[in-house]
């Protein structure tokens, strides 16, 4: 439980800093964002990873189409298989527009501490219009 409280304090302090960092970084082209979510349970691709409430902090940094992000799914009870977090994701992405066409490519690393081996995926996407 102490570890969980430390995580809440870390991300609780970090998210307002990330929100305020936008003003500090104006004119640099950098965009720092963060969020914290609280949900009653957590599913990943149809598999329930936690039956109880979860806390999901996220932080991302973007610059000229490149972005790096960190996301975690942490049980509120602090009780998962062995560790504090059920899932940790690190994402790297590059996106750009050609007229109304938006293209992106990237990589996501999914880690499941204390549960089993993680997995990775590469992705590509396209969108059209606003």
N, C-alpha and C. Protein backbone atom coordinates (compact mmCIF):
# COMPACT_ATOMS: atom_id res chain seq x y z
N UNK A 1 0.83 -1.20 0.00
CA UNK A 1 0.00 0.00 0.00
C UNK A 1 0.87 1.26 0.00
N UNK A 2 2.02 1.21 0.70
CA UNK A 2 2.90 2.37 0.73
C UNK A 2 3.42 2.71 -0.66
N UNK A 3 3.74 1.66 -1.44
CA UNK A 3 4.22 1.89 -2.80
C UNK A 3 3.13 2.55 -3.63
N UNK A 4 1.89 2.09 -3.46
CA UNK A 4 0.78 2.65 -4.21
C UNK A 4 0.61 4.13 -3.90
N UNK A 5 0.67 4.48 -2.63
CA UNK A 5 0.53 5.89 -2.22
C UNK A 5 1.66 6.72 -2.82
N UNK A 6 2.87 6.18 -2.86
CA UNK A 6 4.00 6.89 -3.48
C UNK A 6 3.73 7.13 -4.96
N UNK A 7 3.18 6.13 -5.67
CA UNK A 7 2.85 6.31 -7.08
C UNK A 7 1.80 7.40 -7.27
N UNK A 8 0.77 7.40 -6.44
CA UNK A 8 -0.26 8.42 -6.54
C UNK A 8 0.34 9.81 -6.33
N UNK A 9 1.20 9.93 -5.32
CA UNK A 9 1.84 11.22 -5.05
C UNK A 9 2.70 11.65 -6.22
N UNK A 10 3.47 10.73 -6.79
CA UNK A 10 4.34 11.05 -7.92
C UNK A 10 3.54 11.53 -9.12
N UNK A 11 2.52 10.77 -9.52
CA UNK A 11 1.74 11.16 -10.68
C UNK A 11 0.78 12.29 -10.36
N UNK A 12 0.32 12.35 -9.13
CA UNK A 12 -0.53 13.47 -8.72
C UNK A 12 0.21 14.79 -8.80
N UNK A 13 1.48 14.78 -8.43
CA UNK A 13 2.30 15.98 -8.52
C UNK A 13 2.72 16.25 -9.96
N UNK A 14 2.97 15.18 -10.71
CA UNK A 14 3.49 15.33 -12.07
C UNK A 14 2.47 15.83 -13.07
N UNK A 15 1.22 15.43 -12.93
CA UNK A 15 0.21 15.82 -13.92
C UNK A 15 -0.04 17.32 -13.92
N UNK A 16 -0.23 17.98 -12.76
CA UNK A 16 -0.38 19.44 -12.82
C UNK A 16 0.88 20.12 -13.37
N UNK A 17 2.04 19.56 -13.07
CA UNK A 17 3.27 20.12 -13.63
C UNK A 17 3.27 20.00 -15.13
N UNK A 18 2.83 18.84 -15.64
CA UNK A 18 2.75 18.64 -17.08
C UNK A 18 1.76 19.61 -17.69
N UNK A 19 0.64 19.82 -17.02
CA UNK A 19 -0.37 20.74 -17.53
C UNK A 19 0.17 22.16 -17.57
N UNK A 20 0.90 22.57 -16.55
CA UNK A 20 1.47 23.91 -16.50
C UNK A 20 2.70 24.07 -17.37
N UNK A 21 3.32 22.96 -17.74
CA UNK A 21 4.53 23.02 -18.55
C UNK A 21 4.25 23.56 -19.94
N UNK A 22 2.99 23.44 -20.39
CA UNK A 22 2.64 23.96 -21.71
C UNK A 22 2.96 25.44 -21.83
N UNK A 23 2.67 26.21 -20.79
CA UNK A 23 2.98 27.63 -20.80
C UNK A 23 4.48 27.88 -20.78
N UNK A 24 5.20 27.08 -20.02
CA UNK A 24 6.65 27.24 -19.94
C UNK A 24 7.34 26.89 -21.24
N UNK A 25 6.73 25.98 -22.01
CA UNK A 25 7.36 25.53 -23.25
C UNK A 25 6.79 26.20 -24.48
N UNK A 26 5.95 27.22 -24.32
CA UNK A 26 5.37 27.86 -25.50
C UNK A 26 6.49 28.46 -26.35
N UNK A 27 6.37 28.25 -27.63
CA UNK A 27 7.39 28.74 -28.55
C UNK A 27 8.51 27.74 -28.80
N UNK A 28 8.56 26.65 -28.06
CA UNK A 28 9.62 25.65 -28.24
C UNK A 28 9.21 24.56 -29.21
N UNK A 29 7.91 24.41 -29.47
CA UNK A 29 7.42 23.33 -30.29
C UNK A 29 7.16 22.05 -29.51
N UNK A 30 7.54 22.03 -28.23
CA UNK A 30 7.31 20.86 -27.38
C UNK A 30 5.91 20.92 -26.79
N UNK A 31 5.27 19.76 -26.71
CA UNK A 31 3.96 19.67 -26.08
C UNK A 31 4.01 18.55 -25.05
N UNK A 32 3.85 18.89 -23.79
CA UNK A 32 3.85 17.93 -22.70
C UNK A 32 2.44 17.83 -22.16
N UNK A 33 1.92 16.61 -22.06
CA UNK A 33 0.56 16.42 -21.54
C UNK A 33 0.54 15.25 -20.58
N UNK A 34 -0.46 15.24 -19.72
CA UNK A 34 -0.60 14.15 -18.77
C UNK A 34 -2.04 14.03 -18.33
N UNK A 35 -2.37 12.86 -17.84
CA UNK A 35 -3.72 12.64 -17.31
C UNK A 35 -3.67 11.53 -16.27
N UNK A 36 -4.71 11.50 -15.45
CA UNK A 36 -4.86 10.44 -14.46
C UNK A 36 -6.31 9.95 -14.54
N UNK A 37 -6.46 8.65 -14.65
CA UNK A 37 -7.80 8.09 -14.69
C UNK A 37 -8.02 7.14 -13.53
N UNK A 38 -9.26 7.02 -13.13
CA UNK A 38 -9.65 6.09 -12.07
C UNK A 38 -10.83 5.30 -12.62
N UNK A 39 -10.71 3.95 -12.64
CA UNK A 39 -11.74 3.11 -13.23
C UNK A 39 -12.11 1.98 -12.28
N UNK A 40 -13.31 1.44 -12.42
CA UNK A 40 -13.79 0.40 -11.51
C UNK A 40 -13.13 -0.96 -11.72
N UNK A 41 -12.60 -1.22 -12.91
CA UNK A 41 -11.86 -2.45 -13.19
C UNK A 41 -11.04 -2.21 -14.46
N UNK A 42 -10.21 -3.21 -14.83
CA UNK A 42 -9.35 -3.02 -15.99
C UNK A 42 -9.31 -4.26 -16.87
N UNK A 43 -9.62 -4.06 -18.14
CA UNK A 43 -9.55 -5.11 -19.15
C UNK A 43 -8.50 -4.73 -20.18
N UNK A 44 -7.76 -5.71 -20.66
CA UNK A 44 -6.81 -5.50 -21.75
C UNK A 44 -7.09 -6.54 -22.81
N UNK A 45 -7.55 -6.10 -23.96
CA UNK A 45 -7.88 -6.97 -25.09
C UNK A 45 -8.79 -8.12 -24.68
N UNK A 46 -9.82 -7.79 -23.93
CA UNK A 46 -10.81 -8.76 -23.54
C UNK A 46 -10.49 -9.58 -22.30
N UNK A 47 -9.31 -9.43 -21.76
CA UNK A 47 -8.92 -10.18 -20.57
C UNK A 47 -8.93 -9.25 -19.36
N UNK A 48 -9.65 -9.64 -18.32
CA UNK A 48 -9.72 -8.81 -17.13
C UNK A 48 -8.43 -8.96 -16.33
N UNK A 49 -7.67 -7.86 -16.23
CA UNK A 49 -6.41 -7.89 -15.49
C UNK A 49 -6.59 -7.51 -14.03
N UNK A 50 -7.63 -6.77 -13.73
CA UNK A 50 -7.88 -6.41 -12.34
C UNK A 50 -9.38 -6.26 -12.14
N UNK A 51 -9.91 -6.94 -11.13
CA UNK A 51 -11.35 -6.89 -10.86
C UNK A 51 -11.73 -5.69 -10.01
N UNK A 52 -10.75 -5.10 -9.33
CA UNK A 52 -11.02 -3.94 -8.50
C UNK A 52 -10.65 -2.65 -9.19
N UNK A 53 -10.83 -1.53 -8.50
CA UNK A 53 -10.53 -0.23 -9.08
C UNK A 53 -9.05 -0.07 -9.43
N UNK A 54 -8.80 0.68 -10.49
CA UNK A 54 -7.44 0.93 -10.96
C UNK A 54 -7.21 2.41 -11.19
N UNK A 55 -5.98 2.79 -11.04
CA UNK A 55 -5.51 4.15 -11.27
C UNK A 55 -4.66 4.07 -12.53
N UNK A 56 -4.88 4.99 -13.52
CA UNK A 56 -4.17 4.92 -14.79
C UNK A 56 -3.54 6.27 -15.15
N UNK A 57 -2.31 6.50 -14.70
CA UNK A 57 -1.62 7.74 -15.07
C UNK A 57 -1.00 7.63 -16.46
N UNK A 58 -0.91 8.78 -17.13
CA UNK A 58 -0.34 8.82 -18.48
C UNK A 58 0.39 10.15 -18.66
N UNK A 59 1.52 10.10 -19.34
CA UNK A 59 2.25 11.32 -19.66
C UNK A 59 2.84 11.16 -21.06
N UNK A 60 2.83 12.24 -21.85
CA UNK A 60 3.33 12.19 -23.22
C UNK A 60 4.06 13.49 -23.55
N UNK A 61 5.09 13.35 -24.38
CA UNK A 61 5.86 14.49 -24.87
C UNK A 61 5.87 14.42 -26.38
N UNK A 62 5.51 15.53 -27.05
CA UNK A 62 5.47 15.57 -28.51
C UNK A 62 6.33 16.71 -29.02
N UNK A 63 6.96 16.46 -30.19
CA UNK A 63 7.79 17.48 -30.82
C UNK A 63 7.87 17.20 -32.32
N UNK A 64 7.35 18.12 -33.12
CA UNK A 64 7.42 18.05 -34.58
C UNK A 64 7.04 16.69 -35.15
N UNK A 65 5.92 16.15 -34.68
CA UNK A 65 5.42 14.88 -35.20
C UNK A 65 5.90 13.66 -34.44
N UNK A 66 6.97 13.79 -33.67
CA UNK A 66 7.48 12.68 -32.86
C UNK A 66 6.82 12.73 -31.48
N UNK A 67 6.53 11.57 -30.91
CA UNK A 67 6.00 11.56 -29.56
C UNK A 67 6.50 10.34 -28.79
N UNK A 68 6.59 10.51 -27.49
CA UNK A 68 6.96 9.43 -26.58
C UNK A 68 5.97 9.49 -25.43
N UNK A 69 5.48 8.33 -25.02
CA UNK A 69 4.49 8.32 -23.96
C UNK A 69 4.71 7.18 -22.99
N UNK A 70 4.21 7.38 -21.79
CA UNK A 70 4.24 6.38 -20.72
C UNK A 70 2.85 6.28 -20.15
N UNK A 71 2.36 5.05 -19.99
CA UNK A 71 1.03 4.80 -19.41
C UNK A 71 1.15 3.62 -18.46
N UNK A 72 0.44 3.65 -17.36
CA UNK A 72 0.45 2.53 -16.42
C UNK A 72 -0.96 2.25 -15.93
N UNK A 73 -1.23 0.98 -15.67
CA UNK A 73 -2.48 0.56 -15.04
C UNK A 73 -2.13 -0.06 -13.70
N UNK A 74 -2.53 0.61 -12.62
CA UNK A 74 -2.13 0.18 -11.28
C UNK A 74 -3.36 -0.08 -10.42
N UNK A 75 -3.42 -1.23 -9.76
CA UNK A 75 -4.56 -1.51 -8.90
C UNK A 75 -4.58 -0.61 -7.66
N UNK A 76 -5.72 -0.11 -7.31
CA UNK A 76 -5.86 0.77 -6.15
C UNK A 76 -5.53 0.00 -4.86
N UNK A 77 -5.91 -1.27 -4.81
CA UNK A 77 -5.69 -2.07 -3.61
C UNK A 77 -4.21 -2.39 -3.40
N UNK A 78 -3.40 -2.24 -4.44
CA UNK A 78 -2.00 -2.63 -4.34
C UNK A 78 -1.83 -4.12 -4.45
N UNK A 79 -2.92 -4.86 -4.70
CA UNK A 79 -2.86 -6.32 -4.77
C UNK A 79 -3.00 -6.79 -6.21
N UNK A 80 -1.90 -7.09 -6.84
CA UNK A 80 -1.94 -7.77 -8.11
C UNK A 80 -1.08 -9.01 -7.95
N UNK A 81 -0.63 -9.60 -9.01
CA UNK A 81 0.09 -10.86 -8.92
C UNK A 81 1.32 -10.79 -8.03
N UNK A 82 2.22 -9.84 -8.28
CA UNK A 82 3.42 -9.73 -7.46
C UNK A 82 3.89 -8.29 -7.29
N UNK A 83 3.70 -7.49 -8.30
CA UNK A 83 4.25 -6.14 -8.26
C UNK A 83 3.19 -5.11 -7.99
N UNK A 84 3.53 -3.86 -8.24
CA UNK A 84 2.60 -2.77 -8.00
C UNK A 84 1.69 -2.54 -9.20
N UNK A 85 2.23 -2.70 -10.40
CA UNK A 85 1.48 -2.34 -11.59
C UNK A 85 1.09 -3.57 -12.40
N UNK A 86 -0.13 -3.58 -12.90
CA UNK A 86 -0.56 -4.65 -13.78
C UNK A 86 -0.01 -4.47 -15.19
N UNK A 87 0.16 -3.24 -15.62
CA UNK A 87 0.63 -3.01 -16.98
C UNK A 87 1.36 -1.67 -17.07
N UNK A 88 2.43 -1.69 -17.84
CA UNK A 88 3.18 -0.47 -18.14
C UNK A 88 3.39 -0.45 -19.65
N UNK A 89 3.04 0.67 -20.28
CA UNK A 89 3.22 0.81 -21.73
C UNK A 89 4.14 1.98 -22.01
N UNK A 90 5.05 1.79 -22.94
CA UNK A 90 5.90 2.86 -23.44
C UNK A 90 5.66 2.92 -24.95
N UNK A 91 5.31 4.10 -25.44
CA UNK A 91 4.97 4.27 -26.85
C UNK A 91 5.88 5.30 -27.50
N UNK A 92 6.37 4.97 -28.69
CA UNK A 92 7.10 5.91 -29.54
C UNK A 92 6.34 5.99 -30.86
N UNK A 93 6.16 7.23 -31.36
CA UNK A 93 5.32 7.40 -32.56
C UNK A 93 5.83 8.56 -33.39
N UNK A 94 5.62 8.47 -34.70
CA UNK A 94 5.87 9.59 -35.59
C UNK A 94 4.67 9.72 -36.50
N UNK A 95 4.15 10.93 -36.62
CA UNK A 95 3.01 11.19 -37.47
C UNK A 95 3.19 12.46 -38.27
N UNK A 96 2.59 12.50 -39.45
CA UNK A 96 2.67 13.69 -40.30
C UNK A 96 1.45 13.74 -41.20
N UNK A 97 1.21 14.92 -41.75
CA UNK A 97 0.07 15.14 -42.64
C UNK A 97 0.55 15.50 -44.03
N UNK A 98 -0.16 15.00 -45.02
CA UNK A 98 0.02 15.40 -46.42
C UNK A 98 -1.36 15.86 -46.88
N UNK A 99 -1.57 17.17 -46.85
CA UNK A 99 -2.89 17.70 -47.13
C UNK A 99 -3.88 17.21 -46.09
N UNK A 100 -4.97 16.57 -46.55
CA UNK A 100 -5.98 16.03 -45.64
C UNK A 100 -5.66 14.62 -45.16
N UNK A 101 -4.56 14.05 -45.64
CA UNK A 101 -4.18 12.68 -45.27
C UNK A 101 -3.21 12.71 -44.10
N UNK A 102 -3.57 12.00 -43.02
CA UNK A 102 -2.70 11.88 -41.86
C UNK A 102 -2.11 10.48 -41.79
N UNK A 103 -0.81 10.39 -41.58
CA UNK A 103 -0.13 9.09 -41.49
C UNK A 103 0.64 9.01 -40.18
N UNK A 104 0.72 7.80 -39.61
CA UNK A 104 1.50 7.62 -38.40
C UNK A 104 2.08 6.20 -38.37
N UNK A 105 3.25 6.10 -37.73
CA UNK A 105 3.89 4.81 -37.49
C UNK A 105 4.40 4.84 -36.05
N UNK A 106 4.54 3.67 -35.45
CA UNK A 106 5.03 3.68 -34.09
C UNK A 106 5.30 2.30 -33.52
N UNK A 107 5.66 2.30 -32.27
CA UNK A 107 6.00 1.08 -31.53
C UNK A 107 5.46 1.21 -30.11
N UNK A 108 4.87 0.13 -29.61
CA UNK A 108 4.39 0.08 -28.23
C UNK A 108 5.01 -1.14 -27.55
N UNK A 109 5.54 -0.90 -26.37
CA UNK A 109 6.04 -1.99 -25.53
C UNK A 109 5.07 -2.15 -24.36
N UNK A 110 4.49 -3.34 -24.23
CA UNK A 110 3.57 -3.66 -23.14
C UNK A 110 4.31 -4.54 -22.13
N UNK A 111 4.37 -4.11 -20.90
CA UNK A 111 5.02 -4.91 -19.84
C UNK A 111 3.99 -5.22 -18.77
N UNK A 112 4.08 -6.42 -18.19
CA UNK A 112 3.15 -6.88 -17.16
C UNK A 112 3.96 -7.35 -15.96
N UNK A 113 4.44 -6.43 -15.13
CA UNK A 113 5.32 -6.79 -14.01
C UNK A 113 4.68 -7.83 -13.08
N UNK A 114 5.44 -8.86 -12.79
CA UNK A 114 4.99 -9.87 -11.86
C UNK A 114 3.99 -10.85 -12.43
N UNK A 115 3.54 -10.64 -13.67
CA UNK A 115 2.52 -11.49 -14.25
C UNK A 115 3.12 -12.43 -15.30
N UNK A 116 3.97 -11.90 -16.13
CA UNK A 116 4.56 -12.70 -17.20
C UNK A 116 5.29 -11.81 -18.17
N UNK A 117 5.76 -12.41 -19.25
CA UNK A 117 6.53 -11.62 -20.22
C UNK A 117 5.66 -10.57 -20.91
N UNK A 118 6.30 -9.50 -21.28
CA UNK A 118 5.61 -8.44 -22.01
C UNK A 118 5.55 -8.78 -23.49
N UNK A 119 5.05 -7.84 -24.23
CA UNK A 119 4.97 -8.01 -25.68
C UNK A 119 5.20 -6.65 -26.34
N UNK A 120 5.47 -6.68 -27.61
CA UNK A 120 5.70 -5.45 -28.37
C UNK A 120 4.88 -5.49 -29.63
N UNK A 121 4.56 -4.30 -30.14
CA UNK A 121 3.91 -4.24 -31.44
C UNK A 121 4.32 -2.98 -32.17
N UNK A 122 4.39 -3.11 -33.47
CA UNK A 122 4.60 -1.97 -34.34
C UNK A 122 3.25 -1.66 -34.96
N UNK A 123 2.99 -0.39 -35.24
CA UNK A 123 1.71 -0.04 -35.82
C UNK A 123 1.88 1.04 -36.87
N UNK A 124 0.88 1.12 -37.73
CA UNK A 124 0.81 2.17 -38.75
C UNK A 124 -0.66 2.55 -38.87
N UNK A 125 -0.91 3.79 -39.18
CA UNK A 125 -2.29 4.23 -39.32
C UNK A 125 -2.41 5.35 -40.31
N UNK A 126 -3.61 5.51 -40.83
CA UNK A 126 -3.89 6.59 -41.76
C UNK A 126 -5.28 7.14 -41.45
N UNK A 127 -5.43 8.43 -41.68
CA UNK A 127 -6.74 9.07 -41.51
C UNK A 127 -6.91 10.09 -42.63
N UNK A 128 -8.16 10.41 -42.90
CA UNK A 128 -8.43 11.38 -43.95
C UNK A 128 -9.43 12.40 -43.43
N UNK A 129 -9.16 13.66 -43.69
CA UNK A 129 -10.08 14.72 -43.28
C UNK A 129 -9.72 15.29 -41.93
N UNK A 130 -10.59 16.21 -41.47
CA UNK A 130 -10.36 16.94 -40.24
C UNK A 130 -10.29 16.13 -39.03
